[in-house]
Amino acid sequence: MHEISLVRTIFRTLSDNFSAEELDRVEAIVLKVGPLANVEPILMQNAFGAVVEEEETRFRESKLQINTVPILVHCPVCEQNSEVVQYRFVCGVCGKPCANVVQGNELLIERVVFRD
């Protein structure tokens, strides 16, 4: 399960960007995840729980929140953005095939919430 590696990477990223005192106050980690990132939110939650329990115990009081975003494409024909439905990469406005993905690949730490 590659979600374990992803969670470990998230904790490394936090450690690289915040002090030990700040890390002790993390209340929530908010991720932005698109369908093309090949991440299952429930598996990510399970991996987060496992890593926190076994390795990163300072985060036991922290929560992982996952915000999913849809796949959006930008059509070069009509210059409109539209949502991809059922993985059919066509413009939702003009119906032309479209593979110019502008959203949906994300796997980002969107926000870190700290306790006061």
PDB file of N, CA and C in Angstrom:
ATOM      1  N   MET A   1       0.852  -1.170   0.000  1.00  0.00           N
ATOM      2  CA  MET A   1       0.000   0.000   0.000  1.00  0.00           C
ATOM      3  C   MET A   1       0.899   1.234   0.000  1.00  0.00           C
ATOM      4  N   HIS A   2       0.874   2.006  -1.097  1.00  0.00           N
ATOM      5  CA  HIS A   2       1.745   3.170  -1.210  1.00  0.00           C
ATOM      6  C   HIS A   2       1.279   4.334  -0.354  1.00  0.00           C
ATOM      7  N   GLU A   3       0.090   4.257   0.206  1.00  0.00           N
ATOM      8  CA  GLU A   3      -0.401   5.318   1.078  1.00  0.00           C
ATOM      9  C   GLU A   3       0.476   5.482   2.324  1.00  0.00           C
ATOM     10  N   ILE A   4       1.044   4.376   2.824  1.00  0.00           N
ATOM     11  CA  ILE A   4       1.953   4.457   3.980  1.00  0.00           C
ATOM     12  C   ILE A   4       3.141   5.355   3.633  1.00  0.00           C
ATOM     13  N   SER A   5       3.726   5.165   2.459  1.00  0.00           N
ATOM     14  CA  SER A   5       4.848   6.004   2.022  1.00  0.00           C
ATOM     15  C   SER A   5       4.423   7.460   1.875  1.00  0.00           C
ATOM     16  N   LEU A   6       3.230   7.669   1.371  1.00  0.00           N
ATOM     17  CA  LEU A   6       2.735   9.037   1.214  1.00  0.00           C
ATOM     18  C   LEU A   6       2.560   9.724   2.562  1.00  0.00           C
ATOM     19  N   VAL A   7       2.015   9.002   3.536  1.00  0.00           N
ATOM     20  CA  VAL A   7       1.831   9.575   4.871  1.00  0.00           C
ATOM     21  C   VAL A   7       3.190   9.889   5.498  1.00  0.00           C
ATOM     22  N   ARG A   8       4.135   9.000   5.354  1.00  0.00           N
ATOM     23  CA  ARG A   8       5.487   9.265   5.880  1.00  0.00           C
ATOM     24  C   ARG A   8       6.084  10.510   5.225  1.00  0.00           C
ATOM     25  N   THR A   9       5.863  10.674   3.939  1.00  0.00           N
ATOM     26  CA  THR A   9       6.344  11.854   3.229  1.00  0.00           C
ATOM     27  C   THR A   9       5.674  13.121   3.748  1.00  0.00           C
ATOM     28  N   ILE A  10       4.395  13.043   4.037  1.00  0.00           N
ATOM     29  CA  ILE A  10       3.685  14.190   4.613  1.00  0.00           C
ATOM     30  C   ILE A  10       4.328  14.585   5.939  1.00  0.00           C
ATOM     31  N   PHE A  11       4.607  13.612   6.803  1.00  0.00           N
ATOM     32  CA  PHE A  11       5.223  13.921   8.091  1.00  0.00           C
ATOM     33  C   PHE A  11       6.636  14.478   7.917  1.00  0.00           C
ATOM     34  N   ARG A  12       7.391  13.975   6.946  1.00  0.00           N
ATOM     35  CA  ARG A  12       8.724  14.521   6.674  1.00  0.00           C
ATOM     36  C   ARG A  12       8.623  15.976   6.209  1.00  0.00           C
ATOM     37  N   THR A  13       7.659  16.241   5.362  1.00  0.00           N
ATOM     38  CA  THR A  13       7.442  17.603   4.867  1.00  0.00           C
ATOM     39  C   THR A  13       7.101  18.543   6.015  1.00  0.00           C
ATOM     40  N   LEU A  14       6.228  18.095   6.902  1.00  0.00           N
ATOM     41  CA  LEU A  14       5.877  18.919   8.059  1.00  0.00           C
ATOM     42  C   LEU A  14       7.107  19.170   8.931  1.00  0.00           C
ATOM     43  N   SER A  15       7.890  18.122   9.171  1.00  0.00           N
ATOM     44  CA  SER A  15       9.093  18.254   9.999  1.00  0.00           C
ATOM     45  C   SER A  15      10.111  19.211   9.375  1.00  0.00           C
ATOM     46  N   ASP A  16      10.167  19.241   8.060  1.00  0.00           N
ATOM     47  CA  ASP A  16      11.098  20.131   7.366  1.00  0.00           C
ATOM     48  C   ASP A  16      10.653  21.595   7.411  1.00  0.00           C
ATOM     49  N   ASN A  17       9.355  21.816   7.654  1.00  0.00           N
ATOM     50  CA  ASN A  17       8.814  23.169   7.554  1.00  0.00           C
ATOM     51  C   ASN A  17       8.347  23.786   8.863  1.00  0.00           C
ATOM     52  N   PHE A  18       8.252  22.991   9.918  1.00  0.00           N
ATOM     53  CA  PHE A  18       7.759  23.504  11.191  1.00  0.00           C
ATOM     54  C   PHE A  18       8.688  23.088  12.324  1.00  0.00           C
ATOM     55  N   SER A  19       8.688  23.878  13.375  1.00  0.00           N
ATOM     56  CA  SER A  19       9.497  23.574  14.560  1.00  0.00           C
ATOM     57  C   SER A  19       8.855  22.445  15.359  1.00  0.00           C
ATOM     58  N   ALA A  20       9.609  21.854  16.275  1.00  0.00           N
ATOM     59  CA  ALA A  20       9.092  20.786  17.137  1.00  0.00           C
ATOM     60  C   ALA A  20       7.906  21.292  17.958  1.00  0.00           C
ATOM     61  N   GLU A  21       7.983  22.526  18.438  1.00  0.00           N
ATOM     62  CA  GLU A  21       6.882  23.099  19.219  1.00  0.00           C
ATOM     63  C   GLU A  21       5.623  23.227  18.369  1.00  0.00           C
ATOM     64  N   GLU A  22       5.789  23.658  17.130  1.00  0.00           N
ATOM     65  CA  GLU A  22       4.637  23.778  16.239  1.00  0.00           C
ATOM     66  C   GLU A  22       4.050  22.400  15.928  1.00  0.00           C
ATOM     67  N   LEU A  23       4.908  21.429  15.685  1.00  0.00           N
ATOM     68  CA  LEU A  23       4.431  20.080  15.361  1.00  0.00           C
ATOM     69  C   LEU A  23       3.632  19.489  16.514  1.00  0.00           C
ATOM     70  N   ASP A  24       4.000  19.809  17.747  1.00  0.00           N
ATOM     71  CA  ASP A  24       3.256  19.317  18.908  1.00  0.00           C
ATOM     72  C   ASP A  24       1.862  19.923  19.000  1.00  0.00           C
ATOM     73  N   ARG A  25       1.617  21.004  18.267  1.00  0.00           N
ATOM     74  CA  ARG A  25       0.321  21.683  18.305  1.00  0.00           C
ATOM     75  C   ARG A  25      -0.542  21.418  17.064  1.00  0.00           C
ATOM     76  N   VAL A  26      -0.129  20.498  16.205  1.00  0.00           N
ATOM     77  CA  VAL A  26      -0.906  20.218  14.987  1.00  0.00           C
ATOM     78  C   VAL A  26      -2.234  19.573  15.370  1.00  0.00           C
ATOM     79  N   GLU A  27      -3.297  20.220  14.962  1.00  0.00           N
ATOM     80  CA  GLU A  27      -4.650  19.717  15.219  1.00  0.00           C
ATOM     81  C   GLU A  27      -5.179  18.944  14.019  1.00  0.00           C
ATOM     82  N   ALA A  28      -4.888  19.459  12.817  1.00  0.00           N
ATOM     83  CA  ALA A  28      -5.382  18.808  11.600  1.00  0.00           C
ATOM     84  C   ALA A  28      -4.432  19.072  10.438  1.00  0.00           C
ATOM     85  N   ILE A  29      -4.362  18.080   9.575  1.00  0.00           N
ATOM     86  CA  ILE A  29      -3.623  18.186   8.320  1.00  0.00           C
ATOM     87  C   ILE A  29      -4.669  18.032   7.231  1.00  0.00           C
ATOM     88  N   VAL A  30      -4.763  19.037   6.380  1.00  0.00           N
ATOM     89  CA  VAL A  30      -5.773  19.043   5.324  1.00  0.00           C
ATOM     90  C   VAL A  30      -5.078  18.799   3.985  1.00  0.00           C
ATOM     91  N   LEU A  31      -5.510  17.744   3.302  1.00  0.00           N
ATOM     92  CA  LEU A  31      -4.957  17.411   1.985  1.00  0.00           C
ATOM     93  C   LEU A  31      -5.955  17.766   0.896  1.00  0.00           C
ATOM     94  N   LYS A  32      -5.428  18.118  -0.254  1.00  0.00           N
ATOM     95  CA  LYS A  32      -6.224  18.314  -1.471  1.00  0.00           C
ATOM     96  C   LYS A  32      -5.829  17.190  -2.414  1.00  0.00           C
ATOM     97  N   VAL A  33      -6.798  16.341  -2.784  1.00  0.00           N
ATOM     98  CA  VAL A  33      -6.503  15.143  -3.568  1.00  0.00           C
ATOM     99  C   VAL A  33      -7.433  15.065  -4.773  1.00  0.00           C
ATOM    100  N   GLY A  34      -6.825  14.859  -5.934  1.00  0.00           N
ATOM    101  CA  GLY A  34      -7.590  14.662  -7.159  1.00  0.00           C
ATOM    102  C   GLY A  34      -7.639  13.191  -7.521  1.00  0.00           C
ATOM    103  N   PRO A  35      -8.639  12.803  -8.304  1.00  0.00           N
ATOM    104  CA  PRO A  35      -8.798  11.391  -8.692  1.00  0.00           C
ATOM    105  C   PRO A  35      -7.607  10.820  -9.450  1.00  0.00           C
ATOM    106  N   LEU A  36      -6.855  11.649 -10.162  1.00  0.00           N
ATOM    107  CA  LEU A  36      -5.726  11.164 -10.947  1.00  0.00           C
ATOM    108  C   LEU A  36      -4.465  10.977 -10.114  1.00  0.00           C
ATOM    109  N   ALA A  37      -4.527  11.282  -8.822  1.00  0.00           N
ATOM    110  CA  ALA A  37      -3.373  11.108  -7.935  1.00  0.00           C
ATOM    111  C   ALA A  37      -3.214   9.652  -7.496  1.00  0.00           C
ATOM    112  N   ASN A  38      -4.156   8.814  -7.851  1.00  0.00           N
ATOM    113  CA  ASN A  38      -4.121   7.386  -7.493  1.00  0.00           C
ATOM    114  C   ASN A  38      -4.029   7.170  -5.983  1.00  0.00           C
ATOM    115  N   VAL A  39      -4.845   7.915  -5.253  1.00  0.00           N
ATOM    116  CA  VAL A  39      -4.911   7.790  -3.800  1.00  0.00           C
ATOM    117  C   VAL A  39      -6.360   7.540  -3.405  1.00  0.00           C
ATOM    118  N   GLU A  40      -6.567   6.502  -2.623  1.00  0.00           N
ATOM    119  CA  GLU A  40      -7.895   6.215  -2.090  1.00  0.00           C
ATOM    120  C   GLU A  40      -8.008   6.880  -0.724  1.00  0.00           C
ATOM    121  N   PRO A  41      -8.943   7.816  -0.558  1.00  0.00           N
ATOM    122  CA  PRO A  41      -9.059   8.516   0.725  1.00  0.00           C
ATOM    123  C   PRO A  41      -9.182   7.594   1.945  1.00  0.00           C
ATOM    124  N   ILE A  42      -9.944   6.532   1.861  1.00  0.00           N
ATOM    125  CA  ILE A  42     -10.102   5.644   3.017  1.00  0.00           C
ATOM    126  C   ILE A  42      -8.794   4.924   3.346  1.00  0.00           C
ATOM    127  N   LEU A  43      -8.044   4.533   2.311  1.00  0.00           N
ATOM    128  CA  LEU A  43      -6.744   3.907   2.539  1.00  0.00           C
ATOM    129  C   LEU A  43      -5.747   4.912   3.107  1.00  0.00           C
ATOM    130  N   MET A  44      -5.861   6.164   2.682  1.00  0.00           N
ATOM    131  CA  MET A  44      -4.991   7.210   3.217  1.00  0.00           C
ATOM    132  C   MET A  44      -5.294   7.435   4.700  1.00  0.00           C
ATOM    133  N   GLN A  45      -6.567   7.438   5.054  1.00  0.00           N
ATOM    134  CA  GLN A  45      -6.958   7.593   6.464  1.00  0.00           C
ATOM    135  C   GLN A  45      -6.416   6.429   7.295  1.00  0.00           C
ATOM    136  N   ASN A  46      -6.553   5.220   6.771  1.00  0.00           N
ATOM    137  CA  ASN A  46      -6.048   4.040   7.484  1.00  0.00           C
ATOM    138  C   ASN A  46      -4.529   4.094   7.636  1.00  0.00           C
ATOM    139  N   ALA A  47      -3.834   4.497   6.590  1.00  0.00           N
ATOM    140  CA  ALA A  47      -2.382   4.604   6.646  1.00  0.00           C
ATOM    141  C   ALA A  47      -1.970   5.679   7.651  1.00  0.00           C
ATOM    142  N   PHE A  48      -2.688   6.786   7.674  1.00  0.00           N
ATOM    143  CA  PHE A  48      -2.408   7.855   8.628  1.00  0.00           C
ATOM    144  C   PHE A  48      -2.522   7.317  10.061  1.00  0.00           C
ATOM    145  N   GLY A  49      -3.603   6.602  10.333  1.00  0.00           N
ATOM    146  CA  GLY A  49      -3.792   6.024  11.668  1.00  0.00           C
ATOM    147  C   GLY A  49      -2.680   5.057  12.041  1.00  0.00           C
ATOM    148  N   ALA A  50      -2.267   4.229  11.110  1.00  0.00           N
ATOM    149  CA  ALA A  50      -1.220   3.239  11.380  1.00  0.00           C
ATOM    150  C   ALA A  50       0.130   3.915  11.639  1.00  0.00           C
ATOM    151  N   VAL A  51       0.483   4.893  10.831  1.00  0.00           N
ATOM    152  CA  VAL A  51       1.770   5.579  11.003  1.00  0.00           C
ATOM    153  C   VAL A  51       1.773   6.374  12.302  1.00  0.00           C
ATOM    154  N   VAL A  52       0.670   7.025  12.615  1.00  0.00           N
ATOM    155  CA  VAL A  52       0.588   7.791  13.862  1.00  0.00           C
ATOM    156  C   VAL A  52       0.721   6.864  15.062  1.00  0.00           C
ATOM    157  N   GLU A  53       0.095   5.725  15.010  1.00  0.00           N
ATOM    158  CA  GLU A  53       0.120   4.781  16.144  1.00  0.00           C
ATOM    159  C   GLU A  53       1.505   4.178  16.349  1.00  0.00           C
ATOM    160  N   GLU A  54       2.197   3.880  15.272  1.00  0.00           N
ATOM    161  CA  GLU A  54       3.468   3.162  15.363  1.00  0.00           C
ATOM    162  C   GLU A  54       4.718   4.036  15.317  1.00  0.00           C
ATOM    163  N   GLU A  55       4.666   5.151  14.584  1.00  0.00           N
ATOM    164  CA  GLU A  55       5.892   5.910  14.330  1.00  0.00           C
ATOM    165  C   GLU A  55       5.824   7.378  14.756  1.00  0.00           C
ATOM    166  N   GLU A  56       4.749   8.016  14.459  1.00  0.00           N
ATOM    167  CA  GLU A  56       4.633   9.465  14.670  1.00  0.00           C
ATOM    168  C   GLU A  56       3.643   9.758  15.795  1.00  0.00           C
ATOM    169  N   THR A  57       3.959   9.278  16.976  1.00  0.00           N
ATOM    170  CA  THR A  57       3.013   9.345  18.101  1.00  0.00           C
ATOM    171  C   THR A  57       2.689  10.781  18.529  1.00  0.00           C
ATOM    172  N   ARG A  58       3.523  11.734  18.203  1.00  0.00           N
ATOM    173  CA  ARG A  58       3.231  13.127  18.571  1.00  0.00           C
ATOM    174  C   ARG A  58       1.965  13.633  17.891  1.00  0.00           C
ATOM    175  N   PHE A  59       1.522  12.947  16.834  1.00  0.00           N
ATOM    176  CA  PHE A  59       0.340  13.378  16.078  1.00  0.00           C
ATOM    177  C   PHE A  59      -0.932  12.607  16.463  1.00  0.00           C
ATOM    178  N   ARG A  60      -0.906  11.910  17.599  1.00  0.00           N
ATOM    179  CA  ARG A  60      -2.069  11.095  18.003  1.00  0.00           C
ATOM    180  C   ARG A  60      -3.343  11.913  18.152  1.00  0.00           C
ATOM    181  N   GLU A  61      -3.223  13.164  18.514  1.00  0.00           N
ATOM    182  CA  GLU A  61      -4.404  14.018  18.683  1.00  0.00           C
ATOM    183  C   GLU A  61      -4.772  14.755  17.388  1.00  0.00           C
ATOM    184  N   SER A  62      -4.017  14.506  16.342  1.00  0.00           N
ATOM    185  CA  SER A  62      -4.243  15.185  15.060  1.00  0.00           C
ATOM    186  C   SER A  62      -5.193  14.387  14.183  1.00  0.00           C
ATOM    187  N   LYS A  63      -5.866  15.103  13.310  1.00  0.00           N
ATOM    188  CA  LYS A  63      -6.782  14.490  12.349  1.00  0.00           C
ATOM    189  C   LYS A  63      -6.267  14.736  10.934  1.00  0.00           C
ATOM    190  N   LEU A  64      -6.598  13.807  10.050  1.00  0.00           N
ATOM    191  CA  LEU A  64      -6.307  13.979   8.627  1.00  0.00           C
ATOM    192  C   LEU A  64      -7.629  14.257   7.930  1.00  0.00           C
ATOM    193  N   GLN A  65      -7.693  15.380   7.238  1.00  0.00           N
ATOM    194  CA  GLN A  65      -8.885  15.729   6.462  1.00  0.00           C
ATOM    195  C   GLN A  65      -8.505  15.701   4.993  1.00  0.00           C
ATOM    196  N   ILE A  66      -9.309  15.035   4.183  1.00  0.00           N
ATOM    197  CA  ILE A  66      -9.011  14.926   2.759  1.00  0.00           C
ATOM    198  C   ILE A  66     -10.127  15.602   1.965  1.00  0.00           C
ATOM    199  N   ASN A  67      -9.750  16.638   1.240  1.00  0.00           N
ATOM    200  CA  ASN A  67     -10.680  17.333   0.356  1.00  0.00           C
ATOM    201  C   ASN A  67     -10.423  16.844  -1.067  1.00  0.00           C
ATOM    202  N   THR A  68     -11.417  16.210  -1.653  1.00  0.00           N
ATOM    203  CA  THR A  68     -11.265  15.720  -3.021  1.00  0.00           C
ATOM    204  C   THR A  68     -11.762  16.782  -3.997  1.00  0.00           C
ATOM    205  N   VAL A  69     -11.075  16.863  -5.115  1.00  0.00           N
ATOM    206  CA  VAL A  69     -11.452  17.808  -6.163  1.00  0.00           C
ATOM    207  C   VAL A  69     -11.708  17.018  -7.447  1.00  0.00           C
ATOM    208  N   PRO A  70     -12.616  17.501  -8.288  1.00  0.00           N
ATOM    209  CA  PRO A  70     -12.902  16.786  -9.537  1.00  0.00           C
ATOM    210  C   PRO A  70     -11.825  17.024 -10.588  1.00  0.00           C
ATOM    211  N   ILE A  71     -11.861  16.215 -11.617  1.00  0.00           N
ATOM    212  CA  ILE A  71     -10.973  16.421 -12.768  1.00  0.00           C
ATOM    213  C   ILE A  71     -11.590  17.510 -13.636  1.00  0.00           C
ATOM    214  N   LEU A  72     -10.789  18.514 -13.959  1.00  0.00           N
ATOM    215  CA  LEU A  72     -11.206  19.572 -14.878  1.00  0.00           C
ATOM    216  C   LEU A  72     -10.250  19.594 -16.058  1.00  0.00           C
ATOM    217  N   VAL A  73     -10.808  19.809 -17.235  1.00  0.00           N
ATOM    218  CA  VAL A  73      -9.999  19.960 -18.443  1.00  0.00           C
ATOM    219  C   VAL A  73     -10.271  21.329 -19.061  1.00  0.00           C
ATOM    220  N   HIS A  74      -9.271  21.835 -19.780  1.00  0.00           N
ATOM    221  CA  HIS A  74      -9.427  23.097 -20.506  1.00  0.00           C
ATOM    222  C   HIS A  74      -9.452  22.774 -21.998  1.00  0.00           C
ATOM    223  N   CYS A  75     -10.516  23.168 -22.636  1.00  0.00           N
ATOM    224  CA  CYS A  75     -10.699  22.869 -24.058  1.00  0.00           C
ATOM    225  C   CYS A  75     -10.000  23.917 -24.915  1.00  0.00           C
ATOM    226  N   PRO A  76      -9.109  23.468 -25.820  1.00  0.00           N
ATOM    227  CA  PRO A  76      -8.434  24.423 -26.708  1.00  0.00           C
ATOM    228  C   PRO A  76      -9.355  24.935 -27.821  1.00  0.00           C
ATOM    229  N   VAL A  77     -10.472  24.251 -28.055  1.00  0.00           N
ATOM    230  CA  VAL A  77     -11.389  24.655 -29.128  1.00  0.00           C
ATOM    231  C   VAL A  77     -12.284  25.806 -28.670  1.00  0.00           C
ATOM    232  N   CYS A  78     -12.964  25.626 -27.529  1.00  0.00           N
ATOM    233  CA  CYS A  78     -13.901  26.659 -27.065  1.00  0.00           C
ATOM    234  C   CYS A  78     -13.366  27.469 -25.886  1.00  0.00           C
ATOM    235  N   GLU A  79     -12.136  27.133 -25.428  1.00  0.00           N
ATOM    236  CA  GLU A  79     -11.466  27.866 -24.348  1.00  0.00           C
ATOM    237  C   GLU A  79     -12.241  27.840 -23.021  1.00  0.00           C
ATOM    238  N   GLN A  80     -12.971  26.768 -22.761  1.00  0.00           N
ATOM    239  CA  GLN A  80     -13.735  26.631 -21.527  1.00  0.00           C
ATOM    240  C   GLN A  80     -13.170  25.503 -20.679  1.00  0.00           C
ATOM    241  N   ASN A  81     -13.315  25.624 -19.355  1.00  0.00           N
ATOM    242  CA  ASN A  81     -13.000  24.531 -18.436  1.00  0.00           C
ATOM    243  C   ASN A  81     -14.269  23.756 -18.167  1.00  0.00           C
ATOM    244  N   SER A  82     -14.140  22.436 -18.083  1.00  0.00           N
ATOM    245  CA  SER A  82     -15.297  21.619 -17.749  1.00  0.00           C
ATOM    246  C   SER A  82     -14.852  20.387 -16.973  1.00  0.00           C
ATOM    247  N   GLU A  83     -15.792  19.815 -16.247  1.00  0.00           N
ATOM    248  CA  GLU A  83     -15.506  18.654 -15.410  1.00  0.00           C
ATOM    249  C   GLU A  83     -15.569  17.373 -16.238  1.00  0.00           C
ATOM    250  N   VAL A  84     -14.622  16.496 -15.982  1.00  0.00           N
ATOM    251  CA  VAL A  84     -14.597  15.180 -16.626  1.00  0.00           C
ATOM    252  C   VAL A  84     -15.567  14.275 -15.858  1.00  0.00           C
ATOM    253  N   VAL A  85     -16.467  13.644 -16.596  1.00  0.00           N
ATOM    254  CA  VAL A  85     -17.459  12.759 -15.986  1.00  0.00           C
ATOM    255  C   VAL A  85     -17.176  11.328 -16.440  1.00  0.00           C
ATOM    256  N   GLN A  86     -17.094  10.415 -15.495  1.00  0.00           N
ATOM    257  CA  GLN A  86     -16.836   8.995 -15.757  1.00  0.00           C
ATOM    258  C   GLN A  86     -15.582   8.788 -16.619  1.00  0.00           C
ATOM    259  N   TYR A  87     -14.579   9.585 -16.349  1.00  0.00           N
ATOM    260  CA  TYR A  87     -13.282   9.483 -17.034  1.00  0.00           C
ATOM    261  C   TYR A  87     -13.391   9.619 -18.552  1.00  0.00           C
ATOM    262  N   ARG A  88     -14.409  10.324 -19.016  1.00  0.00           N
ATOM    263  CA  ARG A  88     -14.532  10.651 -20.447  1.00  0.00           C
ATOM    264  C   ARG A  88     -13.928  12.027 -20.641  1.00  0.00           C
ATOM    265  N   PHE A  89     -12.752  12.073 -21.245  1.00  0.00           N
ATOM    266  CA  PHE A  89     -12.021  13.318 -21.420  1.00  0.00           C
ATOM    267  C   PHE A  89     -12.493  14.047 -22.672  1.00  0.00           C
ATOM    268  N   VAL A  90     -13.663  14.629 -22.542  1.00  0.00           N
ATOM    269  CA  VAL A  90     -14.252  15.449 -23.601  1.00  0.00           C
ATOM    270  C   VAL A  90     -14.719  16.757 -22.965  1.00  0.00           C
ATOM    271  N   CYS A  91     -14.751  17.800 -23.761  1.00  0.00           N
ATOM    272  CA  CYS A  91     -15.217  19.087 -23.277  1.00  0.00           C
ATOM    273  C   CYS A  91     -16.705  19.003 -22.965  1.00  0.00           C
ATOM    274  N   GLY A  92     -17.077  19.451 -21.798  1.00  0.00           N
ATOM    275  CA  GLY A  92     -18.484  19.438 -21.399  1.00  0.00           C
ATOM    276  C   GLY A  92     -19.296  20.520 -22.081  1.00  0.00           C
ATOM    277  N   VAL A  93     -18.629  21.448 -22.763  1.00  0.00           N
ATOM    278  CA  VAL A  93     -19.323  22.538 -23.436  1.00  0.00           C
ATOM    279  C   VAL A  93     -19.528  22.224 -24.914  1.00  0.00           C
ATOM    280  N   CYS A  94     -18.417  21.910 -25.625  1.00  0.00           N
ATOM    281  CA  CYS A  94     -18.528  21.698 -27.077  1.00  0.00           C
ATOM    282  C   CYS A  94     -18.471  20.224 -27.479  1.00  0.00           C
ATOM    283  N   GLY A  95     -18.104  19.329 -26.550  1.00  0.00           N
ATOM    284  CA  GLY A  95     -18.097  17.901 -26.841  1.00  0.00           C
ATOM    285  C   GLY A  95     -16.852  17.378 -27.533  1.00  0.00           C
ATOM    286  N   LYS A  96     -15.866  18.227 -27.784  1.00  0.00           N
ATOM    287  CA  LYS A  96     -14.635  17.793 -28.449  1.00  0.00           C
ATOM    288  C   LYS A  96     -13.744  17.036 -27.462  1.00  0.00           C
ATOM    289  N   PRO A  97     -12.974  16.053 -27.953  1.00  0.00           N
ATOM    290  CA  PRO A  97     -12.021  15.370 -27.080  1.00  0.00           C
ATOM    291  C   PRO A  97     -11.041  16.372 -26.465  1.00  0.00           C
ATOM    292  N   CYS A  98     -10.715  16.140 -25.213  1.00  0.00           N
ATOM    293  CA  CYS A  98      -9.862  17.098 -24.522  1.00  0.00           C
ATOM    294  C   CYS A  98      -9.063  16.387 -23.440  1.00  0.00           C
ATOM    295  N   ALA A  99      -7.742  16.533 -23.489  1.00  0.00           N
ATOM    296  CA  ALA A  99      -6.877  15.887 -22.505  1.00  0.00           C
ATOM    297  C   ALA A  99      -6.032  16.901 -21.735  1.00  0.00           C
ATOM    298  N   ASN A 100      -6.358  18.188 -21.838  1.00  0.00           N
ATOM    299  CA  ASN A 100      -5.602  19.233 -21.164  1.00  0.00           C
ATOM    300  C   ASN A 100      -6.108  19.374 -19.716  1.00  0.00           C
ATOM    301  N   VAL A 101      -5.578  18.535 -18.830  1.00  0.00           N
ATOM    302  CA  VAL A 101      -6.030  18.497 -17.441  1.00  0.00           C
ATOM    303  C   VAL A 101      -5.494  19.716 -16.697  1.00  0.00           C
ATOM    304  N   VAL A 102      -6.407  20.466 -16.079  1.00  0.00           N
ATOM    305  CA  VAL A 102      -6.010  21.636 -15.293  1.00  0.00           C
ATOM    306  C   VAL A 102      -6.262  21.418 -13.798  1.00  0.00           C
ATOM    307  N   GLN A 103      -6.961  20.362 -13.453  1.00  0.00           N
ATOM    308  CA  GLN A 103      -7.191  20.000 -12.054  1.00  0.00           C
ATOM    309  C   GLN A 103      -7.525  18.519 -11.992  1.00  0.00           C
ATOM    310  N   GLY A 104      -7.050  17.879 -10.916  1.00  0.00           N
ATOM    311  CA  GLY A 104      -7.364  16.470 -10.727  1.00  0.00           C
ATOM    312  C   GLY A 104      -6.157  15.608 -10.439  1.00  0.00           C
ATOM    313  N   ASN A 105      -4.944  16.176 -10.631  1.00  0.00           N
ATOM    314  CA  ASN A 105      -3.705  15.445 -10.345  1.00  0.00           C
ATOM    315  C   ASN A 105      -3.189  15.702  -8.936  1.00  0.00           C
ATOM    316  N   GLU A 106      -3.839  16.592  -8.208  1.00  0.00           N
ATOM    317  CA  GLU A 106      -3.305  17.089  -6.940  1.00  0.00           C
ATOM    318  C   GLU A 106      -3.159  16.012  -5.872  1.00  0.00           C
ATOM    319  N   LEU A 107      -2.085  16.139  -5.139  1.00  0.00           N
ATOM    320  CA  LEU A 107      -1.888  15.465  -3.856  1.00  0.00           C
ATOM    321  C   LEU A 107      -1.044  16.456  -3.059  1.00  0.00           C
ATOM    322  N   LEU A 108      -1.732  17.393  -2.418  1.00  0.00           N
ATOM    323  CA  LEU A 108      -1.079  18.530  -1.785  1.00  0.00           C
ATOM    324  C   LEU A 108      -1.478  18.669  -0.325  1.00  0.00           C
ATOM    325  N   ILE A 109      -0.554  19.149   0.474  1.00  0.00           N
ATOM    326  CA  ILE A 109      -0.920  19.589   1.814  1.00  0.00           C
ATOM    327  C   ILE A 109      -1.525  20.973   1.614  1.00  0.00           C
ATOM    328  N   GLU A 110      -2.817  21.050   1.777  1.00  0.00           N
ATOM    329  CA  GLU A 110      -3.525  22.302   1.524  1.00  0.00           C
ATOM    330  C   GLU A 110      -3.406  23.259   2.712  1.00  0.00           C
ATOM    331  N   ARG A 111      -3.430  22.675   3.926  1.00  0.00           N
ATOM    332  CA  ARG A 111      -3.412  23.512   5.119  1.00  0.00           C
ATOM    333  C   ARG A 111      -3.025  22.671   6.321  1.00  0.00           C
ATOM    334  N   VAL A 112      -2.399  23.310   7.294  1.00  0.00           N
ATOM    335  CA  VAL A 112      -2.111  22.680   8.578  1.00  0.00           C
ATOM    336  C   VAL A 112      -2.765  23.557   9.633  1.00  0.00           C
ATOM    337  N   VAL A 113      -3.586  22.933  10.485  1.00  0.00           N
ATOM    338  CA  VAL A 113      -4.301  23.654  11.533  1.00  0.00           C
ATOM    339  C   VAL A 113      -3.613  23.367  12.862  1.00  0.00           C
ATOM    340  N   PHE A 114      -3.353  24.444  13.616  1.00  0.00           N
ATOM    341  CA  PHE A 114      -2.680  24.322  14.909  1.00  0.00           C
ATOM    342  C   PHE A 114      -3.632  24.633  16.057  1.00  0.00           C
ATOM    343  N   ARG A 115      -3.444  23.939  17.178  1.00  0.00           N
ATOM    344  CA  ARG A 115      -4.153  24.271  18.409  1.00  0.00           C
ATOM    345  C   ARG A 115      -3.542  25.535  18.982  1.00  0.00           C
ATOM    346  N   ASP A 116      -4.335  26.320  19.682  1.00  0.00           N
ATOM    347  CA  ASP A 116      -3.821  27.524  20.353  1.00  0.00           C
ATOM    348  C   ASP A 116      -3.003  27.195  21.571  1.00  0.00           C
TER     349      ASP A 116
END
